[in-house]
Amino acid sequence: MPDEPIDRILDAAYASFTRHGIRRTTMDDIAAAAGMSRPAVYQYVKNKDDVFLRLANRLFGAALVQATAAAMSEGPLATRLQQVLGAKLELTLRLVRESPHAAELLDESARLSGGAVEEFTGQVRELLADTITSAADRGEITLADAKPTEVAEIIMALTHGLELDLADADGMRRRLALGLELLVGGLSRRRTTGAP
């Protein structure tokens, strides 16, 4: 069990939110799961919304650290991009695996989770664009008139489409790898043939 009370609270919140969903989870549920009294929990967090946002920031922050390390790693561009997106997708798959309420937890349009999800998605998109820019600067690909942000948007759209059906995680991973190979292959072809 974590030593820091806030970590205990966030771990308890994760267990409660994945079990009951955001709306049905109460501060009593979180306090009980943390092995703390409700007043003790309130010494560290303002309310359930605060707990959820802190938890979301912790989860997304850890995924972003993984994604950043992947972007900075060596290897083919398609592999690096797949690993960047892998950090995002594995978090999604984990939530789907551990909670019948994953859709509520990951909904960009939800009042509570939306801002955190949108910010994380934007950070991943920016990381993809930076990785693509770096690859173009090193001569791995040629963007011609395409902007790195546009290529990143296309990749995010591909990923979003794959996330709509998470029943076959291995199939989703294969389709992501194939999509990225095709995209990077097209950008590499531009470099070697000068094709538009």
Protein backbone atom coordinates (compact mmCIF):
# COMPACT_ATOMS: atom_id res chain seq x y z
CA MET A 1 0.00 0.00 0.00
CA PRO A 2 1.40 3.44 -0.84
CA ASP A 3 2.90 5.46 2.02
CA GLU A 4 1.63 8.90 1.03
CA PRO A 5 -2.01 9.57 1.93
CA ILE A 6 -2.73 11.23 -1.42
CA ASP A 7 -1.44 8.12 -3.22
CA ARG A 8 -3.68 5.93 -1.05
CA ILE A 9 -6.62 8.19 -1.87
CA LEU A 10 -5.92 8.13 -5.61
CA ASP A 11 -5.45 4.35 -5.63
CA ALA A 12 -8.73 4.00 -3.74
CA ALA A 13 -10.41 6.40 -6.15
CA TYR A 14 -9.19 4.34 -9.11
CA ALA A 15 -10.64 1.19 -7.56
CA SER A 16 -13.93 2.95 -6.78
CA PHE A 17 -14.28 4.74 -10.12
CA THR A 18 -13.52 1.59 -12.11
CA ARG A 19 -15.97 -0.43 -10.00
CA HIS A 20 -18.86 2.06 -9.73
CA GLY A 21 -18.20 4.75 -12.35
CA ILE A 22 -17.68 8.42 -11.60
CA ARG A 23 -21.30 9.34 -10.95
CA ARG A 24 -22.05 6.48 -8.56
CA THR A 25 -18.81 6.71 -6.57
CA THR A 26 -19.11 8.63 -3.32
CA MET A 27 -16.46 10.15 -1.12
CA ASP A 28 -17.45 7.51 1.46
CA ASP A 29 -16.53 4.80 -1.08
CA ILE A 30 -13.14 6.41 -1.66
CA ALA A 31 -12.47 6.90 2.06
CA ALA A 32 -13.41 3.30 2.86
CA ALA A 33 -11.22 1.93 0.06
CA ALA A 34 -8.32 4.11 1.27
CA GLY A 35 -8.77 2.92 4.85
CA MET A 36 -9.26 6.51 5.97
CA SER A 37 -12.07 8.53 7.46
CA ARG A 38 -13.95 10.91 5.21
CA PRO A 39 -12.67 13.97 7.13
CA ALA A 40 -9.10 12.67 6.71
CA VAL A 41 -9.61 12.36 2.94
CA TYR A 42 -10.87 15.95 2.81
CA GLN A 43 -7.55 17.10 4.28
CA TYR A 44 -5.96 16.14 0.95
CA VAL A 45 -8.67 16.74 -1.66
CA LYS A 46 -11.52 19.21 -2.06
CA ASN A 47 -14.20 16.88 -3.40
CA LYS A 48 -14.86 13.99 -5.77
CA ASP A 49 -14.19 16.16 -8.83
CA ASP A 50 -10.79 17.10 -7.42
CA VAL A 51 -9.99 13.43 -6.73
CA PHE A 52 -10.96 12.45 -10.26
CA LEU A 53 -8.92 15.20 -11.89
CA ARG A 54 -5.86 14.34 -9.79
CA LEU A 55 -6.27 10.68 -10.68
CA ALA A 56 -6.70 11.48 -14.38
CA ASN A 57 -3.59 13.67 -14.29
CA ARG A 58 -1.64 10.86 -12.63
CA LEU A 59 -2.77 8.25 -15.18
CA PHE A 60 -2.31 10.51 -18.18
CA GLY A 61 0.99 11.81 -16.83
CA ALA A 62 2.40 8.29 -16.54
CA ALA A 63 1.23 7.46 -20.08
CA LEU A 64 2.76 10.69 -21.38
CA VAL A 65 6.12 9.84 -19.78
CA GLN A 66 6.03 6.47 -21.60
CA ALA A 67 5.01 8.13 -24.86
CA THR A 68 7.80 10.71 -24.59
CA ALA A 69 10.40 8.02 -23.94
CA ALA A 70 9.13 6.14 -27.01
CA ALA A 71 9.33 9.26 -29.16
CA MET A 72 12.94 9.82 -28.12
CA SER A 73 13.99 6.20 -28.66
CA GLU A 74 15.96 4.84 -31.59
CA GLY A 75 14.41 2.81 -34.35
CA PRO A 76 12.24 3.22 -37.41
CA LEU A 77 9.74 6.07 -37.39
CA ALA A 78 6.72 3.76 -37.67
CA THR A 79 7.90 1.85 -34.60
CA ARG A 80 8.44 5.03 -32.59
CA LEU A 81 5.00 6.35 -33.56
CA GLN A 82 3.42 3.02 -32.66
CA GLN A 83 5.10 3.10 -29.26
CA VAL A 84 3.95 6.68 -28.65
CA LEU A 85 0.38 5.68 -29.42
CA GLY A 86 0.86 2.42 -27.55
CA ALA A 87 1.12 4.35 -24.29
CA LYS A 88 -2.27 5.95 -24.99
CA LEU A 89 -3.90 2.77 -26.25
CA GLU A 90 -2.62 0.60 -23.41
CA LEU A 91 -4.13 3.00 -20.88
CA THR A 92 -7.44 2.80 -22.75
CA LEU A 93 -7.24 -1.01 -22.91
CA ARG A 94 -6.40 -1.20 -19.20
CA LEU A 95 -9.46 0.88 -18.31
CA VAL A 96 -11.69 -1.18 -20.60
CA ARG A 97 -10.31 -4.39 -19.10
CA GLU A 98 -10.70 -3.20 -15.50
CA SER A 99 -13.96 -1.27 -15.67
CA PRO A 100 -17.41 -1.52 -17.20
CA HIS A 101 -17.39 2.29 -16.83
CA ALA A 102 -14.38 2.94 -19.09
CA ALA A 103 -16.44 4.97 -21.57
CA GLU A 104 -17.46 7.37 -18.79
CA LEU A 105 -13.87 7.64 -17.57
CA LEU A 106 -12.49 8.40 -21.05
CA ASP A 107 -15.29 10.53 -22.51
CA GLU A 108 -13.90 13.77 -23.99
CA SER A 109 -17.36 15.34 -23.91
CA ALA A 110 -18.05 14.55 -20.25
CA ARG A 111 -18.14 17.53 -17.90
CA LEU A 112 -15.57 16.13 -15.51
CA SER A 113 -13.26 13.94 -17.57
CA GLY A 114 -13.48 15.85 -20.83
CA GLY A 115 -10.89 18.51 -20.10
CA ALA A 116 -8.31 16.04 -18.82
CA VAL A 117 -8.85 13.66 -21.75
CA GLU A 118 -8.72 16.51 -24.26
CA GLU A 119 -5.49 17.88 -22.75
CA PHE A 120 -3.84 14.44 -22.80
CA THR A 121 -4.94 13.82 -26.38
CA GLY A 122 -3.52 17.21 -27.37
CA GLN A 123 -0.21 16.39 -25.69
CA VAL A 124 0.01 13.08 -27.56
CA ARG A 125 -0.86 14.84 -30.84
CA GLU A 126 1.89 17.40 -30.20
CA LEU A 127 4.38 14.65 -29.38
CA LEU A 128 3.50 12.90 -32.66
CA ALA A 129 3.98 16.15 -34.60
CA ASP A 130 7.36 16.71 -32.92
CA THR A 131 8.43 13.14 -33.72
CA ILE A 132 7.38 13.58 -37.36
CA THR A 133 9.21 16.93 -37.58
CA SER A 134 12.35 15.34 -36.17
CA ALA A 135 12.13 12.47 -38.68
CA ALA A 136 11.73 14.93 -41.55
CA ASP A 137 14.67 16.99 -40.29
CA ARG A 138 16.82 13.83 -40.26
CA GLY A 139 15.72 12.92 -43.79
CA GLU A 140 13.76 9.79 -42.81
CA ILE A 141 10.67 11.15 -44.56
CA THR A 142 9.67 14.01 -46.81
CA LEU A 143 6.63 16.03 -45.86
CA ALA A 144 6.54 18.16 -49.04
CA ASP A 145 3.47 20.34 -48.52
CA ALA A 146 2.09 18.30 -45.61
CA LYS A 147 2.46 19.83 -42.17
CA PRO A 148 3.62 17.66 -39.23
CA THR A 149 0.47 18.68 -37.36
CA GLU A 150 -1.69 17.43 -40.25
CA VAL A 151 0.10 14.08 -40.31
CA ALA A 152 -0.32 13.86 -36.53
CA GLU A 153 -4.06 14.57 -36.94
CA ILE A 154 -4.35 11.76 -39.49
CA ILE A 155 -2.57 9.39 -37.10
CA MET A 156 -4.83 10.45 -34.22
CA ALA A 157 -7.91 9.90 -36.42
CA LEU A 158 -6.66 6.41 -37.28
CA THR A 159 -6.11 5.70 -33.60
CA HIS A 160 -9.51 7.06 -32.61
CA GLY A 161 -11.15 4.85 -35.22
CA LEU A 162 -9.34 1.79 -33.88
CA GLU A 163 -10.39 2.66 -30.32
CA LEU A 164 -14.05 2.35 -31.30
CA ASP A 165 -13.74 -1.45 -31.23
CA LEU A 166 -11.48 -2.65 -28.45
CA ALA A 167 -12.85 -6.21 -28.37
CA ASP A 168 -9.80 -7.53 -30.24
CA ALA A 169 -6.81 -5.77 -28.66
CA ASP A 170 -4.22 -7.75 -30.63
CA GLY A 171 -6.05 -7.06 -33.89
CA MET A 172 -6.21 -3.37 -33.01
CA ARG A 173 -2.46 -3.30 -32.36
CA ARG A 174 -1.80 -5.04 -35.70
CA ARG A 175 -4.04 -2.61 -37.59
CA LEU A 176 -2.33 0.35 -35.92
CA ALA A 177 1.10 -1.01 -36.89
CA LEU A 178 -0.08 -1.60 -40.46
CA GLY A 179 -1.63 1.87 -40.73
CA LEU A 180 1.54 3.51 -39.49
CA GLU A 181 3.74 1.42 -41.80
CA LEU A 182 1.59 2.48 -44.75
CA LEU A 183 1.64 6.14 -43.74
CA VAL A 184 5.37 6.25 -43.05
CA GLY A 185 6.00 4.18 -46.19
CA GLY A 186 4.15 6.79 -48.22
CA LEU A 187 6.17 9.61 -46.67
CA SER A 188 9.39 7.64 -47.22
CA ARG A 189 8.43 7.01 -50.85
CA ARG A 190 8.15 10.76 -51.32
CA ARG A 191 11.72 11.05 -50.09
CA THR A 192 13.13 8.41 -52.45
CA THR A 193 11.08 9.12 -55.57
CA GLY A 194 10.07 12.73 -55.16
CA ALA A 195 6.45 11.62 -55.60
CA PRO A 196 3.79 14.13 -54.49
